Amino acid sequence: MTEETGPPVVMLVLAFAAVAGSVGLLVGVSLTAHVLGYLLSSFVCIGLATAFTQLDERRRNDQERWYEEEPGQKETYQRARAVALSLGIVVTTIHVWYIARELSVA
């Protein structure tokens, strides 16, 4: 069994993928598409970004393993996480607007 020795980049990529999937659901005209987009861009994105942070910090603080990283890598991942969360907030806002519009007409 191999132990991971660097940041859990897969979780960060999945957070961006959740936002991208939510953007794809913006073209949907149904309430269901917008609710799914809302869930992806909010809860899934935030959950993955939180899991990334928690696991990364746990790996950094583990005294029994060597943590491999390049200079400036932590700041790069912090910025990437902030971008994913910011995009998630923007897309969530758009989905909420569509949901509110649909419910106000109904």
C-alpha atoms as a PDB file:
ATOM      1  CA  MET A   1       0.000   0.000   0.000  1.00  0.00           C
ATOM      2  CA  THR A   2       1.433   3.360  -0.981  1.00  0.00           C
ATOM      3  CA  GLU A   3       1.003   6.395   1.198  1.00  0.00           C
ATOM      4  CA  GLU A   4       0.173   9.753  -0.276  1.00  0.00           C
ATOM      5  CA  THR A   5       2.861  12.312   0.444  1.00  0.00           C
ATOM      6  CA  GLY A   6       1.538  15.460  -1.183  1.00  0.00           C
ATOM      7  CA  PRO A   7      -1.617  17.513  -1.399  1.00  0.00           C
ATOM      8  CA  PRO A   8      -4.872  15.728  -2.326  1.00  0.00           C
ATOM      9  CA  VAL A   9      -5.138  17.414  -5.716  1.00  0.00           C
ATOM     10  CA  VAL A  10      -7.914  15.068  -6.860  1.00  0.00           C
ATOM     11  CA  MET A  11     -10.346  16.640  -4.385  1.00  0.00           C
ATOM     12  CA  LEU A  12      -9.553  20.110  -5.661  1.00  0.00           C
ATOM     13  CA  VAL A  13     -10.027  18.983  -9.258  1.00  0.00           C
ATOM     14  CA  LEU A  14     -13.357  17.422  -8.296  1.00  0.00           C
ATOM     15  CA  ALA A  15     -14.452  20.716  -6.691  1.00  0.00           C
ATOM     16  CA  PHE A  16     -13.755  22.488  -9.994  1.00  0.00           C
ATOM     17  CA  ALA A  17     -15.563  19.674 -11.836  1.00  0.00           C
ATOM     18  CA  ALA A  18     -18.609  20.133  -9.589  1.00  0.00           C
ATOM     19  CA  VAL A  19     -18.706  23.838 -10.458  1.00  0.00           C
ATOM     20  CA  ALA A  20     -18.224  23.053 -14.154  1.00  0.00           C
ATOM     21  CA  GLY A  21     -21.077  20.534 -14.026  1.00  0.00           C
ATOM     22  CA  SER A  22     -23.236  23.113 -12.333  1.00  0.00           C
ATOM     23  CA  VAL A  23     -22.424  25.633 -15.062  1.00  0.00           C
ATOM     24  CA  GLY A  24     -23.528  23.012 -17.590  1.00  0.00           C
ATOM     25  CA  LEU A  25     -26.856  22.771 -15.787  1.00  0.00           C
ATOM     26  CA  LEU A  26     -27.464  26.511 -16.200  1.00  0.00           C
ATOM     27  CA  VAL A  27     -28.739  25.844 -19.725  1.00  0.00           C
ATOM     28  CA  GLY A  28     -31.428  23.589 -18.296  1.00  0.00           C
ATOM     29  CA  VAL A  29     -34.905  25.009 -18.276  1.00  0.00           C
ATOM     30  CA  SER A  30     -36.350  22.770 -15.597  1.00  0.00           C
ATOM     31  CA  LEU A  31     -36.498  23.431 -11.885  1.00  0.00           C
ATOM     32  CA  THR A  32     -34.835  20.055 -11.308  1.00  0.00           C
ATOM     33  CA  ALA A  33     -31.767  21.062 -13.340  1.00  0.00           C
ATOM     34  CA  HIS A  34     -31.383  24.230 -11.319  1.00  0.00           C
ATOM     35  CA  VAL A  35     -31.797  22.452  -7.984  1.00  0.00           C
ATOM     36  CA  LEU A  36     -29.144  19.907  -9.014  1.00  0.00           C
ATOM     37  CA  GLY A  37     -26.878  22.727 -10.169  1.00  0.00           C
ATOM     38  CA  TYR A  38     -27.420  24.504  -6.869  1.00  0.00           C
ATOM     39  CA  LEU A  39     -26.459  21.376  -4.931  1.00  0.00           C
ATOM     40  CA  LEU A  40     -23.353  20.806  -7.056  1.00  0.00           C
ATOM     41  CA  SER A  41     -22.068  24.353  -6.915  1.00  0.00           C
ATOM     42  CA  SER A  42     -22.745  24.801  -3.218  1.00  0.00           C
ATOM     43  CA  PHE A  43     -22.686  21.699  -1.047  1.00  0.00           C
ATOM     44  CA  VAL A  44     -20.543  19.444  -3.232  1.00  0.00           C
ATOM     45  CA  CYS A  45     -17.998  22.139  -4.043  1.00  0.00           C
ATOM     46  CA  ILE A  46     -17.746  23.322  -0.424  1.00  0.00           C
ATOM     47  CA  GLY A  47     -17.541  19.745   0.866  1.00  0.00           C
ATOM     48  CA  LEU A  48     -14.719  18.833  -1.503  1.00  0.00           C
ATOM     49  CA  ALA A  49     -12.803  22.035  -0.773  1.00  0.00           C
ATOM     50  CA  THR A  50     -13.173  21.415   2.962  1.00  0.00           C
ATOM     51  CA  ALA A  51     -12.039  17.802   2.600  1.00  0.00           C
ATOM     52  CA  PHE A  52      -9.042  19.002   0.548  1.00  0.00           C
ATOM     53  CA  THR A  53      -8.037  21.452   3.274  1.00  0.00           C
ATOM     54  CA  GLN A  54      -8.505  18.986   6.109  1.00  0.00           C
ATOM     55  CA  LEU A  55      -6.597  16.153   4.439  1.00  0.00           C
ATOM     56  CA  ASP A  56      -3.818  18.458   3.250  1.00  0.00           C
ATOM     57  CA  GLU A  57      -3.294  19.868   6.743  1.00  0.00           C
ATOM     58  CA  ARG A  58      -3.382  16.378   8.251  1.00  0.00           C
ATOM     59  CA  ARG A  59      -0.686  15.238   5.804  1.00  0.00           C
ATOM     60  CA  ARG A  60       1.427  18.337   6.479  1.00  0.00           C
ATOM     61  CA  ASN A  61       1.281  17.829  10.243  1.00  0.00           C
ATOM     62  CA  ASP A  62       1.972  14.083  10.183  1.00  0.00           C
ATOM     63  CA  GLN A  63       5.397  13.625  11.741  1.00  0.00           C
ATOM     64  CA  GLU A  64       5.757  10.041  10.496  1.00  0.00           C
ATOM     65  CA  ARG A  65       5.664  10.916   6.786  1.00  0.00           C
ATOM     66  CA  TRP A  66       7.589  13.142   4.465  1.00  0.00           C
ATOM     67  CA  TYR A  67       5.408  15.768   2.800  1.00  0.00           C
ATOM     68  CA  GLU A  68       6.481  16.492  -0.766  1.00  0.00           C
ATOM     69  CA  GLU A  69       5.873  19.946  -2.158  1.00  0.00           C
ATOM     70  CA  GLU A  70       7.495  22.542  -4.333  1.00  0.00           C
ATOM     71  CA  PRO A  71       8.234  26.071  -3.073  1.00  0.00           C
ATOM     72  CA  GLY A  72       5.071  28.189  -3.218  1.00  0.00           C
ATOM     73  CA  GLN A  73       2.836  25.163  -3.772  1.00  0.00           C
ATOM     74  CA  LYS A  74       0.746  25.718  -0.637  1.00  0.00           C
ATOM     75  CA  GLU A  75      -0.129  29.268  -1.718  1.00  0.00           C
ATOM     76  CA  THR A  76      -1.016  28.051  -5.202  1.00  0.00           C
ATOM     77  CA  TYR A  77      -3.427  25.464  -3.826  1.00  0.00           C
ATOM     78  CA  GLN A  78      -4.919  28.007  -1.422  1.00  0.00           C
ATOM     79  CA  ARG A  79      -5.595  30.341  -4.338  1.00  0.00           C
ATOM     80  CA  ALA A  80      -7.048  27.511  -6.423  1.00  0.00           C
ATOM     81  CA  ARG A  81      -9.341  26.555  -3.552  1.00  0.00           C
ATOM     82  CA  ALA A  82     -10.450  30.182  -3.185  1.00  0.00           C
ATOM     83  CA  VAL A  83     -11.157  30.388  -6.931  1.00  0.00           C
ATOM     84  CA  ALA A  84     -13.210  27.177  -6.870  1.00  0.00           C
ATOM     85  CA  LEU A  85     -15.248  28.423  -3.912  1.00  0.00           C
ATOM     86  CA  SER A  86     -15.737  31.872  -5.452  1.00  0.00           C
ATOM     87  CA  LEU A  87     -16.917  30.404  -8.735  1.00  0.00           C
ATOM     88  CA  GLY A  88     -19.194  28.086  -6.774  1.00  0.00           C
ATOM     89  CA  ILE A  89     -20.762  31.055  -4.997  1.00  0.00           C
ATOM     90  CA  VAL A  90     -21.362  32.891  -8.266  1.00  0.00           C
ATOM     91  CA  VAL A  91     -22.915  29.868  -9.967  1.00  0.00           C
ATOM     92  CA  THR A  92     -24.978  29.078  -6.862  1.00  0.00           C
ATOM     93  CA  THR A  93     -26.353  32.613  -6.919  1.00  0.00           C
ATOM     94  CA  ILE A  94     -27.435  32.228 -10.536  1.00  0.00           C
ATOM     95  CA  HIS A  95     -29.147  28.912  -9.791  1.00  0.00           C
ATOM     96  CA  VAL A  96     -30.914  30.396  -6.763  1.00  0.00           C
ATOM     97  CA  TRP A  97     -32.159  33.259  -8.924  1.00  0.00           C
ATOM     98  CA  TYR A  98     -33.599  30.800 -11.467  1.00  0.00           C
ATOM     99  CA  ILE A  99     -35.170  28.702  -8.696  1.00  0.00           C
ATOM    100  CA  ALA A 100     -36.751  31.766  -7.086  1.00  0.00           C
ATOM    101  CA  ARG A 101     -38.050  32.937 -10.451  1.00  0.00           C
ATOM    102  CA  GLU A 102     -39.600  29.526 -11.167  1.00  0.00           C
ATOM    103  CA  LEU A 103     -41.227  29.311  -7.744  1.00  0.00           C
ATOM    104  CA  SER A 104     -42.593  32.838  -7.919  1.00  0.00           C
ATOM    105  CA  VAL A 105     -44.366  32.066 -11.198  1.00  0.00           C
ATOM    106  CA  ALA A 106     -45.817  28.792  -9.942  1.00  0.00           C
END
